[in-house]
Amino acid sequence: EQAHQRVAPSLLLNQRFYAALTM
């Protein structure tokens, strides 16, 4: 359960990082 909760923010951070990279 803890791992799943940690994946949510990780994915959001990854998306933000990817967006910054494409920008």
PDB file of N, CA and C in Angstrom:
ATOM      1  N   GLU A   1       0.838  -1.201   0.000  1.00  0.00           N
ATOM      2  CA  GLU A   1       0.000   0.000   0.000  1.00  0.00           C
ATOM      3  C   GLU A   1       0.878   1.258   0.000  1.00  0.00           C
ATOM      4  N   GLN A   2       1.905   1.249   0.810  1.00  0.00           N
ATOM      5  CA  GLN A   2       2.780   2.424   0.872  1.00  0.00           C
ATOM      6  C   GLN A   2       3.445   2.677  -0.483  1.00  0.00           C
ATOM      7  N   ALA A   3       3.849   1.601  -1.119  1.00  0.00           N
ATOM      8  CA  ALA A   3       4.533   1.738  -2.416  1.00  0.00           C
ATOM      9  C   ALA A   3       3.583   2.378  -3.426  1.00  0.00           C
ATOM     10  N   HIS A   4       2.348   1.934  -3.428  1.00  0.00           N
ATOM     11  CA  HIS A   4       1.374   2.479  -4.385  1.00  0.00           C
ATOM     12  C   HIS A   4       1.182   3.979  -4.147  1.00  0.00           C
ATOM     13  N   GLN A   5       1.087   4.357  -2.873  1.00  0.00           N
ATOM     14  CA  GLN A   5       0.899   5.787  -2.549  1.00  0.00           C
ATOM     15  C   GLN A   5       2.116   6.584  -2.997  1.00  0.00           C
ATOM     16  N   ARG A   6       3.260   5.964  -2.962  1.00  0.00           N
ATOM     17  CA  ARG A   6       4.485   6.684  -3.319  1.00  0.00           C
ATOM     18  C   ARG A   6       4.590   6.814  -4.851  1.00  0.00           C
ATOM     19  N   VAL A   7       3.936   5.898  -5.549  1.00  0.00           N
ATOM     20  CA  VAL A   7       3.990   5.933  -7.022  1.00  0.00           C
ATOM     21  C   VAL A   7       3.216   7.133  -7.562  1.00  0.00           C
ATOM     22  N   ALA A   8       2.119   7.483  -6.906  1.00  0.00           N
ATOM     23  CA  ALA A   8       1.297   8.613  -7.376  1.00  0.00           C
ATOM     24  C   ALA A   8       2.139   9.883  -7.505  1.00  0.00           C
ATOM     25  N   PRO A   9       2.760  10.360  -6.443  1.00  0.00           N
ATOM     26  CA  PRO A   9       3.578  11.583  -6.512  1.00  0.00           C
ATOM     27  C   PRO A   9       4.765  11.415  -7.455  1.00  0.00           C
ATOM     28  N   SER A  10       5.319  10.216  -7.485  1.00  0.00           N
ATOM     29  CA  SER A  10       6.486   9.965  -8.356  1.00  0.00           C
ATOM     30  C   SER A  10       6.089  10.168  -9.813  1.00  0.00           C
ATOM     31  N   LEU A  11       4.922   9.645 -10.170  1.00  0.00           N
ATOM     32  CA  LEU A  11       4.466   9.772 -11.561  1.00  0.00           C
ATOM     33  C   LEU A  11       4.208  11.243 -11.881  1.00  0.00           C
ATOM     34  N   LEU A  12       3.593  11.947 -10.940  1.00  0.00           N
ATOM     35  CA  LEU A  12       3.295  13.371 -11.171  1.00  0.00           C
ATOM     36  C   LEU A  12       4.600  14.145 -11.354  1.00  0.00           C
ATOM     37  N   LEU A  13       5.583  13.827 -10.525  1.00  0.00           N
ATOM     38  CA  LEU A  13       6.874  14.520 -10.629  1.00  0.00           C
ATOM     39  C   LEU A  13       7.530  14.206 -11.966  1.00  0.00           C
ATOM     40  N   ASN A  14       7.428  12.952 -12.367  1.00  0.00           N
ATOM     41  CA  ASN A  14       8.034  12.537 -13.636  1.00  0.00           C
ATOM     42  C   ASN A  14       7.392  13.290 -14.791  1.00  0.00           C
ATOM     43  N   GLN A  15       6.060  13.422 -14.744  1.00  0.00           N
ATOM     44  CA  GLN A  15       5.355  14.135 -15.814  1.00  0.00           C
ATOM     45  C   GLN A  15       5.814  15.589 -15.859  1.00  0.00           C
ATOM     46  N   ARG A  16       5.962  16.180 -14.700  1.00  0.00           N
ATOM     47  CA  ARG A  16       6.379  17.590 -14.629  1.00  0.00           C
ATOM     48  C   ARG A  16       7.800  17.718 -15.180  1.00  0.00           C
ATOM     49  N   PHE A  17       8.645  16.776 -14.838  1.00  0.00           N
ATOM     50  CA  PHE A  17      10.036  16.802 -15.319  1.00  0.00           C
ATOM     51  C   PHE A  17      10.071  16.662 -16.838  1.00  0.00           C
ATOM     52  N   TYR A  18       9.238  15.756 -17.347  1.00  0.00           N
ATOM     53  CA  TYR A  18       9.184  15.531 -18.796  1.00  0.00           C
ATOM     54  C   TYR A  18       8.692  16.806 -19.495  1.00  0.00           C
ATOM     55  N   ALA A  19       7.696  17.427 -18.907  1.00  0.00           N
ATOM     56  CA  ALA A  19       7.149  18.667 -19.490  1.00  0.00           C
ATOM     57  C   ALA A  19       8.242  19.738 -19.532  1.00  0.00           C
ATOM     58  N   ALA A  20       8.994  19.852 -18.481  1.00  0.00           N
ATOM     59  CA  ALA A  20      10.077  20.856 -18.435  1.00  0.00           C
ATOM     60  C   ALA A  20      11.131  20.525 -19.493  1.00  0.00           C
ATOM     61  N   LEU A  21      11.350  19.242 -19.704  1.00  0.00           N
ATOM     62  CA  LEU A  21      12.364  18.836 -20.692  1.00  0.00           C
ATOM     63  C   LEU A  21      11.907  19.195 -22.102  1.00  0.00           C
ATOM     64  N   THR A  22      10.625  18.927 -22.390  1.00  0.00           N
ATOM     65  CA  THR A  22      10.105  19.235 -23.727  1.00  0.00           C
ATOM     66  C   THR A  22      10.049  20.750 -23.922  1.00  0.00           C
ATOM     67  N   MET A  23       9.838  21.474 -22.856  1.00  0.00           N
ATOM     68  CA  MET A  23       9.769  22.935 -22.952  1.00  0.00           C
ATOM     69  C   MET A  23      11.156  23.461 -23.298  1.00  0.00           C
TER      70      MET A  23
END
